[in-house]
Amino acid sequence: MEGARELEGASGEYEASLERTLQELNRRKRELEDALHQLRTSAAGSGAGLSAQASLEVMTNAYKGMTEAEPLLPPAGSVLPALLAMRRGQQTIAETNEYTDSQGAALEQLERRIETERVNVREQQALETALRNRIQSLRDGLEDREEKTEEQIAKERIAELKKQKGHWDKQTSSLMKQLDWFIGEHLGPMLAAEELGGPVVGGLMDIDPEDLSAGFSAQGKLKKAKDQPDQDRRQRRIDDIWGPQDEEGQASKRKRERDEAAAASAEMRDLTEQLMNKLMEAGGDTSAAYVEIPRESAAARFLVRSKVALFHPRDARRLRLVDFGRDLED
């Protein structure tokens, strides 16, 4: 309660101070208006008859009176100085904010330019380092060549090429093993599903090879497998689609009957092997790199969709690998 009373008292004093300031300003305004009116009246009544000297004396007396008069100042306790200071402060703040906003975009642009220049400097430094290293390596190689005979240089080059060949042979063997694993574990079942009327490769993931025994419906849906499917009928269907097993397959038939996924995997492995061998034999001649295929299988279509192989433009029974040393043909 006491705090509220003190607040009300302070508010009343502030309003009273404002009222006194307004009264003082109005009083001073009326005084100035009266003085101006008297000046205009006296000038109108006697201005025509005044000589130049008299007019000069009037103006001189007026300036002296203004100089000797006390300046117009607000009375003690007036809030006018505070109001003027507040208005000036608000004006300064507004001008500062406006200037800050105008300089923000310029600062952001300057920061982006600085970052761009830093990136350019780093790239130039990296390029300079690479060039220095290359120049030094060329100098070292030139010095070595000057110190060695042609026979020594040839032997070192042959040894280096053999080392590179061994490295790439090892990499090729590793990649072929990975490809063989991928075909058997993932790609083979999906190829078999496409051959049996199911979705294309990639449309049905994680297929169980045993579920393929029932085949697919006309809508491409996987049928429910029977508990004890007819294995003879299943093997006949596999032979009709992928062909009968070779002698090696017949020898291992006692160990394990061939299923759809295994047949599709074997077809994919055989096709990729033929394509790679033919491309190597062609020696860069793409017209001689084609392999004749007995039918347009799911394996062939998958290689073409993956842009790994191409059909002959005038014979769909011929297929070749894409020569990745050249541009891909769309």
Protein backbone atom coordinates (compact mmCIF):
# COMPACT_ATOMS: atom_id res chain seq x y z
CA MET A 1 0.00 0.00 0.00
CA GLU A 2 2.76 2.44 0.90
CA GLY A 3 4.57 1.67 -2.39
CA ALA A 4 1.39 2.36 -4.38
CA ARG A 5 0.91 5.65 -2.56
CA GLU A 6 4.49 6.69 -3.26
CA LEU A 7 4.03 5.78 -6.94
CA GLU A 8 0.82 7.81 -7.13
CA GLY A 9 2.56 10.76 -5.43
CA ALA A 10 5.48 10.65 -7.88
CA SER A 11 3.08 10.48 -10.81
CA GLY A 12 1.17 13.49 -9.48
CA GLU A 13 4.35 15.53 -9.07
CA TYR A 14 5.42 14.62 -12.63
CA GLU A 15 2.06 15.72 -14.06
CA ALA A 16 2.17 18.96 -12.06
CA SER A 17 5.67 19.67 -13.36
CA LEU A 18 4.49 19.11 -16.94
CA GLU A 19 1.57 21.44 -16.35
CA ARG A 20 3.85 24.20 -15.01
CA THR A 21 6.17 23.81 -18.00
CA LEU A 22 3.27 24.13 -20.44
CA GLN A 23 1.97 27.22 -18.64
CA GLU A 24 5.42 28.82 -18.75
CA LEU A 25 5.75 28.10 -22.46
CA ASN A 26 2.29 29.48 -23.19
CA ARG A 27 3.03 32.63 -21.16
CA ARG A 28 6.27 33.19 -23.00
CA LYS A 29 4.51 32.59 -26.30
CA ARG A 30 1.92 35.27 -25.50
CA GLU A 31 4.65 37.75 -24.51
CA LEU A 32 6.46 37.20 -27.78
CA GLU A 33 3.25 37.52 -29.77
CA ASP A 34 2.42 40.83 -27.98
CA ALA A 35 5.89 42.18 -28.61
CA LEU A 36 5.68 41.19 -32.27
CA HIS A 37 2.27 42.83 -32.58
CA GLN A 38 3.52 46.08 -31.03
CA LEU A 39 6.55 46.07 -33.29
CA ARG A 40 4.40 45.61 -36.37
CA THR A 41 2.00 48.38 -35.21
CA SER A 42 4.78 50.88 -34.55
CA ALA A 43 6.45 50.01 -37.83
CA ALA A 44 3.20 50.50 -39.73
CA GLY A 45 2.48 53.87 -38.04
CA SER A 46 5.90 55.49 -38.29
CA GLY A 47 7.84 53.39 -40.77
CA ALA A 48 7.05 55.68 -43.73
CA GLY A 49 8.31 58.84 -41.97
CA LEU A 50 11.53 57.39 -40.50
CA SER A 51 14.79 58.41 -42.01
CA ALA A 52 17.61 56.00 -42.67
CA GLN A 53 19.40 57.09 -39.50
CA ALA A 54 16.26 56.67 -37.40
CA SER A 55 15.66 53.19 -38.83
CA LEU A 56 19.25 52.25 -38.03
CA GLU A 57 18.85 53.50 -34.45
CA VAL A 58 15.66 51.47 -34.03
CA MET A 59 17.36 48.31 -35.26
CA THR A 60 20.40 48.99 -33.08
CA ASN A 61 18.27 49.44 -29.98
CA ALA A 62 16.34 46.28 -30.81
CA TYR A 63 19.52 44.20 -31.13
CA LYS A 64 20.92 45.68 -27.92
CA GLY A 65 17.70 44.85 -26.11
CA MET A 66 17.81 41.27 -27.34
CA THR A 67 21.47 40.97 -26.37
CA GLU A 68 21.01 42.36 -22.86
CA ALA A 69 17.80 40.41 -22.23
CA GLU A 70 18.09 37.21 -20.26
CA PRO A 71 17.86 34.05 -22.38
CA LEU A 72 14.67 32.03 -22.34
CA LEU A 73 15.27 29.19 -19.94
CA PRO A 74 12.78 26.82 -18.38
CA PRO A 75 12.11 27.35 -14.70
CA ALA A 76 13.70 25.25 -12.02
CA GLY A 77 12.17 21.80 -11.78
CA SER A 78 10.93 21.88 -15.38
CA VAL A 79 10.90 18.58 -17.31
CA LEU A 80 11.54 20.33 -20.62
CA PRO A 81 15.32 19.64 -20.59
CA ALA A 82 14.64 15.97 -19.90
CA LEU A 83 12.10 15.82 -22.74
CA LEU A 84 14.52 17.50 -25.14
CA ALA A 85 17.31 15.15 -24.09
CA MET A 86 15.01 12.14 -24.50
CA ARG A 87 13.96 13.24 -27.98
CA ARG A 88 17.57 13.77 -28.98
CA GLY A 89 18.54 10.38 -27.57
CA GLN A 90 15.74 8.62 -29.46
CA GLN A 91 16.73 10.39 -32.65
CA THR A 92 20.35 9.32 -32.18
CA ILE A 93 19.33 5.71 -31.50
CA ALA A 94 17.12 5.62 -34.61
CA GLU A 95 19.91 7.04 -36.78
CA THR A 96 22.39 4.52 -35.31
CA ASN A 97 20.06 1.56 -35.98
CA GLU A 98 19.44 2.74 -39.52
CA TYR A 99 23.16 3.05 -40.18
CA THR A 100 23.81 -0.38 -38.64
CA ASP A 101 21.19 -2.01 -40.88
CA SER A 102 22.61 -0.32 -43.96
CA GLN A 103 26.11 -1.53 -43.12
CA GLY A 104 25.01 -5.10 -42.25
CA ALA A 105 24.57 -6.15 -45.90
CA ALA A 106 27.89 -4.61 -46.86
CA LEU A 107 29.61 -6.39 -43.96
CA GLU A 108 28.07 -9.75 -44.93
CA GLN A 109 29.18 -9.29 -48.55
CA LEU A 110 32.67 -8.39 -47.38
CA GLU A 111 32.84 -11.49 -45.16
CA ARG A 112 31.81 -13.72 -48.09
CA ARG A 113 34.46 -12.14 -50.26
CA ILE A 114 37.09 -12.65 -47.56
CA GLU A 115 36.12 -16.34 -47.25
CA THR A 116 36.30 -16.75 -51.02
CA GLU A 117 39.74 -15.19 -51.09
CA ARG A 118 40.87 -17.48 -48.26
CA VAL A 119 39.74 -20.52 -50.23
CA ASN A 120 41.57 -19.23 -53.30
CA VAL A 121 44.71 -18.70 -51.25
CA ARG A 122 44.54 -22.25 -49.85
CA GLU A 123 44.05 -23.67 -53.35
CA GLN A 124 46.97 -21.67 -54.68
CA GLN A 125 49.15 -22.82 -51.81
CA ALA A 126 48.18 -26.46 -52.42
CA LEU A 127 48.87 -26.05 -56.13
CA GLU A 128 52.21 -24.44 -55.41
CA THR A 129 53.17 -27.29 -53.08
CA ALA A 130 52.15 -29.89 -55.66
CA LEU A 131 54.13 -28.14 -58.38
CA ARG A 132 57.20 -27.89 -56.15
CA ASN A 133 56.97 -31.59 -55.31
CA ARG A 134 56.53 -32.47 -58.97
CA ILE A 135 59.50 -30.35 -60.01
CA GLN A 136 61.61 -31.94 -57.30
CA SER A 137 60.55 -35.45 -58.33
CA LEU A 138 61.39 -34.67 -61.97
CA ARG A 139 64.78 -33.37 -60.93
CA ASP A 140 65.44 -36.47 -58.83
CA GLY A 141 64.35 -38.71 -61.69
CA LEU A 142 66.53 -36.83 -64.14
CA GLU A 143 69.52 -37.16 -61.84
CA ASP A 144 68.87 -40.88 -61.45
CA ARG A 145 68.61 -41.31 -65.22
CA GLU A 146 71.87 -39.48 -65.73
CA GLU A 147 73.61 -41.77 -63.25
CA LYS A 148 72.12 -45.06 -64.62
CA THR A 149 72.59 -46.82 -67.93
CA GLU A 150 69.72 -47.52 -70.32
CA GLU A 151 69.82 -51.19 -69.41
CA GLN A 152 69.42 -50.42 -65.71
CA ILE A 153 66.55 -48.03 -66.44
CA ALA A 154 64.83 -50.69 -68.59
CA LYS A 155 65.20 -53.33 -65.88
CA GLU A 156 63.77 -51.02 -63.23
CA ARG A 157 60.87 -50.14 -65.50
CA ILE A 158 60.14 -53.82 -66.16
CA ALA A 159 60.28 -54.58 -62.44
CA GLU A 160 57.92 -51.68 -61.74
CA LEU A 161 55.47 -52.89 -64.38
CA LYS A 162 55.57 -56.43 -63.00
CA LYS A 163 54.87 -55.07 -59.54
CA GLN A 164 51.93 -53.06 -60.85
CA LYS A 165 50.63 -56.09 -62.74
CA GLY A 166 50.80 -58.21 -59.59
CA HIS A 167 48.94 -55.53 -57.66
CA TRP A 168 46.18 -55.25 -60.26
CA ASP A 169 45.92 -59.03 -60.61
CA LYS A 170 45.37 -59.24 -56.88
CA GLN A 171 42.77 -56.46 -57.01
CA THR A 172 41.02 -58.16 -59.93
CA SER A 173 40.90 -61.48 -58.09
CA SER A 174 39.46 -59.80 -55.01
CA LEU A 175 36.81 -57.99 -57.06
CA MET A 176 35.85 -61.18 -58.89
CA LYS A 177 35.37 -62.98 -55.57
CA GLN A 178 33.20 -60.15 -54.30
CA LEU A 179 31.18 -60.17 -57.53
CA ASP A 180 30.71 -63.94 -57.29
CA TRP A 181 29.50 -63.59 -53.69
CA PHE A 182 27.12 -60.76 -54.59
CA ILE A 183 25.63 -62.73 -57.47
CA GLY A 184 25.08 -65.83 -55.35
CA GLU A 185 23.73 -64.10 -52.25
CA HIS A 186 21.69 -61.19 -53.62
CA LEU A 187 21.51 -60.85 -57.39
CA GLY A 188 20.74 -64.47 -58.28
CA PRO A 189 17.40 -64.70 -56.41
CA MET A 190 16.24 -61.36 -57.86
CA LEU A 191 17.17 -62.46 -61.40
CA ALA A 192 15.28 -65.71 -60.87
CA ALA A 193 12.23 -63.80 -59.64
CA GLU A 194 12.23 -61.66 -62.80
CA GLU A 195 12.55 -64.74 -65.03
CA LEU A 196 9.60 -66.38 -63.25
CA GLY A 197 7.31 -63.41 -63.95
CA GLY A 198 8.00 -61.39 -60.82
CA PRO A 199 9.21 -57.80 -60.50
CA VAL A 200 12.40 -56.62 -62.15
CA VAL A 201 15.65 -56.76 -60.23
CA GLY A 202 15.44 -54.39 -57.29
CA GLY A 203 11.65 -54.48 -57.05
CA LEU A 204 11.65 -57.30 -54.50
CA MET A 205 14.52 -57.45 -52.02
CA ASP A 206 15.61 -60.23 -49.63
CA ILE A 207 14.05 -63.12 -51.53
CA ASP A 208 14.23 -66.59 -50.02
CA PRO A 209 15.20 -69.04 -52.81
CA GLU A 210 12.76 -71.62 -51.39
CA ASP A 211 9.86 -69.20 -51.90
CA LEU A 212 10.55 -69.17 -55.65
CA SER A 213 9.36 -72.76 -56.06
CA ALA A 214 5.71 -71.65 -56.26
CA GLY A 215 6.40 -68.93 -58.84
CA PHE A 216 4.45 -65.70 -59.31
CA SER A 217 0.88 -64.82 -60.17
CA ALA A 218 -0.23 -62.96 -63.30
CA GLN A 219 -0.08 -59.73 -61.28
CA GLY A 220 3.57 -60.36 -60.36
CA LYS A 221 2.80 -61.37 -56.76
CA LEU A 222 4.77 -64.15 -55.11
CA LYS A 223 2.64 -67.25 -54.61
CA LYS A 224 2.60 -69.11 -51.35
CA ALA A 225 5.02 -72.04 -51.45
CA LYS A 226 3.76 -75.53 -50.70
CA ASP A 227 5.13 -77.53 -47.81
CA GLN A 228 6.27 -80.33 -50.14
CA PRO A 229 6.58 -79.02 -53.70
CA ASP A 230 6.94 -81.34 -56.67
CA GLN A 231 10.72 -81.36 -57.14
CA ASP A 232 10.63 -83.11 -60.53
CA ARG A 233 8.27 -80.49 -61.92
CA ARG A 234 10.38 -77.76 -60.40
CA GLN A 235 13.56 -79.12 -62.01
CA ARG A 236 11.85 -79.41 -65.40
CA ARG A 237 10.81 -75.75 -65.18
CA ILE A 238 14.36 -74.77 -64.26
CA ASP A 239 15.73 -76.73 -67.22
CA ASP A 240 13.17 -75.14 -69.56
CA ILE A 241 14.16 -71.60 -68.52
CA TRP A 242 17.89 -71.84 -67.84
CA GLY A 243 18.74 -75.00 -69.72
CA PRO A 244 19.96 -78.35 -68.39
CA GLN A 245 23.00 -78.63 -66.16
CA ASP A 246 26.41 -79.22 -67.67
CA GLU A 247 28.52 -82.28 -66.85
CA GLU A 248 30.00 -80.66 -63.77
CA GLY A 249 26.53 -79.79 -62.55
CA GLN A 250 25.31 -83.32 -63.22
CA ALA A 251 28.19 -84.72 -61.17
CA SER A 252 27.22 -82.62 -58.17
CA LYS A 253 23.49 -83.21 -58.59
CA ARG A 254 23.51 -85.98 -56.01
CA LYS A 255 24.73 -83.52 -53.39
CA ARG A 256 22.20 -80.78 -54.03
CA GLU A 257 19.33 -80.20 -56.42
CA ARG A 258 19.62 -77.02 -58.44
CA ASP A 259 17.11 -74.29 -57.49
CA GLU A 260 16.00 -71.19 -59.39
CA ALA A 261 18.39 -68.81 -57.64
CA ALA A 262 21.39 -71.07 -58.27
CA ALA A 263 20.47 -71.44 -61.96
CA ALA A 264 20.10 -67.66 -62.41
CA SER A 265 23.39 -67.08 -60.57
CA ALA A 266 25.20 -69.57 -62.79
CA GLU A 267 23.77 -67.91 -65.91
CA MET A 268 24.89 -64.47 -64.69
CA ARG A 269 28.42 -65.68 -63.91
CA ASP A 270 28.74 -67.39 -67.29
CA LEU A 271 27.46 -64.31 -69.15
CA THR A 272 29.78 -61.87 -67.38
CA GLU A 273 32.75 -64.17 -67.95
CA GLN A 274 32.00 -64.41 -71.67
CA LEU A 275 31.56 -60.65 -71.98
CA MET A 276 34.83 -59.87 -70.18
CA ASN A 277 36.82 -62.43 -72.17
CA LYS A 278 35.38 -61.17 -75.45
CA LEU A 279 36.18 -57.57 -74.57
CA MET A 280 39.78 -58.50 -73.76
CA GLU A 281 40.12 -60.44 -77.02
CA ALA A 282 38.69 -57.52 -79.04
CA GLY A 283 41.63 -55.30 -78.06
CA GLY A 284 39.63 -52.08 -78.14
CA ASP A 285 37.58 -52.94 -81.24
CA THR A 286 34.01 -52.59 -79.97
CA SER A 287 32.55 -54.21 -83.08
CA ALA A 288 34.41 -57.42 -82.21
CA ALA A 289 33.42 -57.38 -78.52
CA TYR A 290 29.86 -58.69 -79.02
CA VAL A 291 28.74 -62.02 -77.59
CA GLU A 292 25.80 -63.93 -79.05
CA ILE A 293 23.22 -64.81 -76.42
CA PRO A 294 20.59 -67.53 -76.91
CA ARG A 295 17.79 -65.37 -75.47
CA GLU A 296 17.10 -62.02 -73.86
CA SER A 297 17.49 -63.16 -70.27
CA ALA A 298 16.92 -61.24 -67.07
CA ALA A 299 20.70 -61.18 -66.59
CA ALA A 300 21.22 -59.47 -69.95
CA ARG A 301 18.45 -56.95 -69.28
CA PHE A 302 19.92 -56.16 -65.86
CA LEU A 303 23.36 -55.46 -67.34
CA VAL A 304 21.83 -53.18 -69.97
CA ARG A 305 19.69 -51.30 -67.41
CA SER A 306 22.77 -50.83 -65.25
CA LYS A 307 24.64 -49.37 -68.27
CA VAL A 308 27.25 -52.09 -67.94
CA ALA A 309 26.43 -53.70 -71.28
CA LEU A 310 24.86 -52.72 -74.61
CA PHE A 311 22.76 -54.58 -77.16
CA HIS A 312 23.83 -54.41 -80.77
CA PRO A 313 21.89 -51.58 -82.47
CA ARG A 314 20.59 -53.95 -85.18
CA ASP A 315 20.71 -57.36 -83.50
CA ALA A 316 19.22 -57.86 -80.02
CA ARG A 317 20.86 -61.31 -79.79
CA ARG A 318 24.31 -59.73 -79.54
CA LEU A 319 25.58 -58.09 -76.37
CA ARG A 320 28.84 -56.45 -75.32
CA LEU A 321 30.30 -54.76 -72.26
CA VAL A 322 30.61 -50.99 -72.20
CA ASP A 323 34.17 -49.85 -72.84
CA PHE A 324 34.62 -47.65 -69.79
CA GLY A 325 37.73 -46.17 -71.34
CA ARG A 326 35.38 -44.24 -73.61
CA ASP A 327 32.23 -42.21 -73.06
CA LEU A 328 29.05 -43.99 -72.07
CA GLU A 329 26.57 -44.35 -74.89
CA ASP A 330 22.99 -43.44 -73.94
